[in-house]
Amino acid sequence: MNFEAGIRFIVFLVIFGVSNYLMMLRRYENDIKKKNLQQEKISRLYPKGSFIF
């Protein structure tokens, strides 16, 4: 493997890694939003101050 091919491979790995990171970050943020929305819906079912055994 020559030097130029090595550099191209490293650049490819960096670009692939960054794009993968951004996709996973977007998915994580969407999951957090869904979780918060679910918690808000559940909290509306049980008024504040009520306690269920």
N, C-alpha and C. Protein backbone atom coordinates (compact mmCIF):
# COMPACT_ATOMS: atom_id res chain seq x y z
N MET A 1 0.86 -1.18 0.00
CA MET A 1 0.00 0.00 0.00
C MET A 1 0.90 1.24 0.00
N ASN A 2 0.69 2.09 -0.95
CA ASN A 2 1.53 3.29 -1.00
C ASN A 2 0.98 4.38 -0.08
N PHE A 3 1.73 5.44 0.01
CA PHE A 3 1.41 6.52 0.96
C PHE A 3 0.09 7.20 0.62
N GLU A 4 -0.14 7.47 -0.67
CA GLU A 4 -1.37 8.16 -1.07
C GLU A 4 -2.60 7.32 -0.76
N ALA A 5 -2.53 6.04 -1.01
CA ALA A 5 -3.67 5.16 -0.71
C ALA A 5 -3.91 5.11 0.80
N GLY A 6 -2.87 5.12 1.59
CA GLY A 6 -3.01 5.13 3.04
C GLY A 6 -3.71 6.38 3.53
N ILE A 7 -3.32 7.51 2.98
CA ILE A 7 -3.94 8.79 3.36
C ILE A 7 -5.42 8.78 2.97
N ARG A 8 -5.73 8.30 1.75
CA ARG A 8 -7.14 8.24 1.32
C ARG A 8 -7.95 7.34 2.24
N PHE A 9 -7.37 6.22 2.65
CA PHE A 9 -8.06 5.30 3.54
C PHE A 9 -8.34 5.95 4.89
N ILE A 10 -7.37 6.66 5.42
CA ILE A 10 -7.56 7.35 6.71
C ILE A 10 -8.63 8.42 6.58
N VAL A 11 -8.63 9.19 5.49
CA VAL A 11 -9.65 10.22 5.27
C VAL A 11 -11.02 9.57 5.16
N PHE A 12 -11.10 8.44 4.45
CA PHE A 12 -12.37 7.73 4.33
C PHE A 12 -12.87 7.29 5.71
N LEU A 13 -11.99 6.75 6.53
CA LEU A 13 -12.38 6.31 7.87
C LEU A 13 -12.87 7.48 8.72
N VAL A 14 -12.21 8.62 8.61
CA VAL A 14 -12.62 9.79 9.38
C VAL A 14 -13.99 10.28 8.93
N ILE A 15 -14.19 10.37 7.62
CA ILE A 15 -15.49 10.84 7.11
C ILE A 15 -16.59 9.86 7.50
N PHE A 16 -16.32 8.57 7.37
CA PHE A 16 -17.31 7.55 7.74
C PHE A 16 -17.62 7.63 9.23
N GLY A 17 -16.60 7.81 10.06
CA GLY A 17 -16.80 7.90 11.50
C GLY A 17 -17.60 9.12 11.89
N VAL A 18 -17.32 10.24 11.30
CA VAL A 18 -18.04 11.47 11.62
C VAL A 18 -19.50 11.36 11.20
N SER A 19 -19.74 10.82 10.01
CA SER A 19 -21.14 10.68 9.56
C SER A 19 -21.89 9.70 10.46
N ASN A 20 -21.25 8.62 10.86
CA ASN A 20 -21.88 7.65 11.75
C ASN A 20 -22.18 8.30 13.11
N TYR A 21 -21.25 9.08 13.62
CA TYR A 21 -21.45 9.77 14.90
C TYR A 21 -22.63 10.73 14.83
N LEU A 22 -22.74 11.48 13.74
CA LEU A 22 -23.84 12.44 13.60
C LEU A 22 -25.19 11.73 13.51
N MET A 23 -25.23 10.59 12.80
CA MET A 23 -26.49 9.85 12.71
C MET A 23 -26.89 9.30 14.07
N MET A 24 -25.94 8.77 14.83
CA MET A 24 -26.23 8.22 16.14
C MET A 24 -26.64 9.33 17.11
N LEU A 25 -26.03 10.51 16.99
CA LEU A 25 -26.38 11.64 17.84
C LEU A 25 -27.80 12.09 17.57
N ARG A 26 -28.18 12.15 16.30
CA ARG A 26 -29.55 12.53 15.93
C ARG A 26 -30.55 11.52 16.48
N ARG A 27 -30.23 10.24 16.37
CA ARG A 27 -31.12 9.20 16.89
C ARG A 27 -31.23 9.30 18.41
N TYR A 28 -30.11 9.54 19.08
CA TYR A 28 -30.13 9.68 20.54
C TYR A 28 -30.99 10.85 20.97
N GLU A 29 -30.87 11.98 20.28
CA GLU A 29 -31.68 13.15 20.62
C GLU A 29 -33.16 12.87 20.41
N ASN A 30 -33.51 12.16 19.33
CA ASN A 30 -34.91 11.82 19.09
C ASN A 30 -35.44 10.88 20.17
N ASP A 31 -34.61 9.92 20.60
CA ASP A 31 -35.03 9.00 21.66
C ASP A 31 -35.26 9.74 22.97
N ILE A 32 -34.41 10.72 23.27
CA ILE A 32 -34.56 11.50 24.50
C ILE A 32 -35.86 12.31 24.44
N LYS A 33 -36.16 12.90 23.28
CA LYS A 33 -37.41 13.66 23.14
C LYS A 33 -38.62 12.76 23.34
N LYS A 34 -38.58 11.56 22.76
CA LYS A 34 -39.70 10.63 22.92
C LYS A 34 -39.86 10.22 24.38
N LYS A 35 -38.74 10.00 25.07
CA LYS A 35 -38.80 9.59 26.47
C LYS A 35 -39.40 10.71 27.32
N ASN A 36 -38.99 11.95 27.08
CA ASN A 36 -39.53 13.08 27.83
C ASN A 36 -41.02 13.26 27.56
N LEU A 37 -41.43 13.09 26.31
CA LEU A 37 -42.84 13.21 25.95
C LEU A 37 -43.66 12.12 26.64
N GLN A 38 -43.12 10.91 26.70
CA GLN A 38 -43.81 9.81 27.36
C GLN A 38 -43.95 10.09 28.86
N GLN A 39 -42.90 10.62 29.48
CA GLN A 39 -42.96 10.95 30.90
C GLN A 39 -43.99 12.04 31.17
N GLU A 40 -44.08 13.02 30.29
CA GLU A 40 -45.08 14.07 30.46
C GLU A 40 -46.50 13.52 30.36
N LYS A 41 -46.72 12.61 29.42
CA LYS A 41 -48.05 12.01 29.28
C LYS A 41 -48.42 11.20 30.51
N ILE A 42 -47.46 10.44 31.04
CA ILE A 42 -47.72 9.64 32.24
C ILE A 42 -47.96 10.55 33.44
N SER A 43 -47.22 11.65 33.55
CA SER A 43 -47.38 12.54 34.70
C SER A 43 -48.75 13.22 34.69
N ARG A 44 -49.35 13.40 33.52
CA ARG A 44 -50.69 13.98 33.46
C ARG A 44 -51.75 13.02 34.02
N LEU A 45 -51.48 11.72 33.94
CA LEU A 45 -52.45 10.74 34.43
C LEU A 45 -52.53 10.75 35.95
N TYR A 46 -51.40 11.04 36.61
CA TYR A 46 -51.34 11.03 38.06
C TYR A 46 -51.08 12.44 38.56
N PRO A 47 -52.07 13.11 39.12
CA PRO A 47 -51.89 14.49 39.57
C PRO A 47 -50.83 14.59 40.67
N LYS A 48 -50.25 15.76 40.78
CA LYS A 48 -49.20 15.99 41.77
C LYS A 48 -49.79 15.87 43.19
N GLY A 49 -49.06 15.19 44.05
CA GLY A 49 -49.50 15.01 45.41
C GLY A 49 -50.24 13.71 45.64
N SER A 50 -50.61 13.01 44.58
CA SER A 50 -51.29 11.73 44.78
C SER A 50 -50.23 10.64 44.92
N PHE A 51 -50.54 9.63 45.70
CA PHE A 51 -49.60 8.54 45.93
C PHE A 51 -50.32 7.22 45.72
N ILE A 52 -49.74 6.36 44.90
CA ILE A 52 -50.35 5.08 44.58
C ILE A 52 -49.46 3.99 45.14
N PHE A 53 -50.07 3.06 45.91
CA PHE A 53 -49.29 1.96 46.49
C PHE A 53 -48.95 0.92 45.47
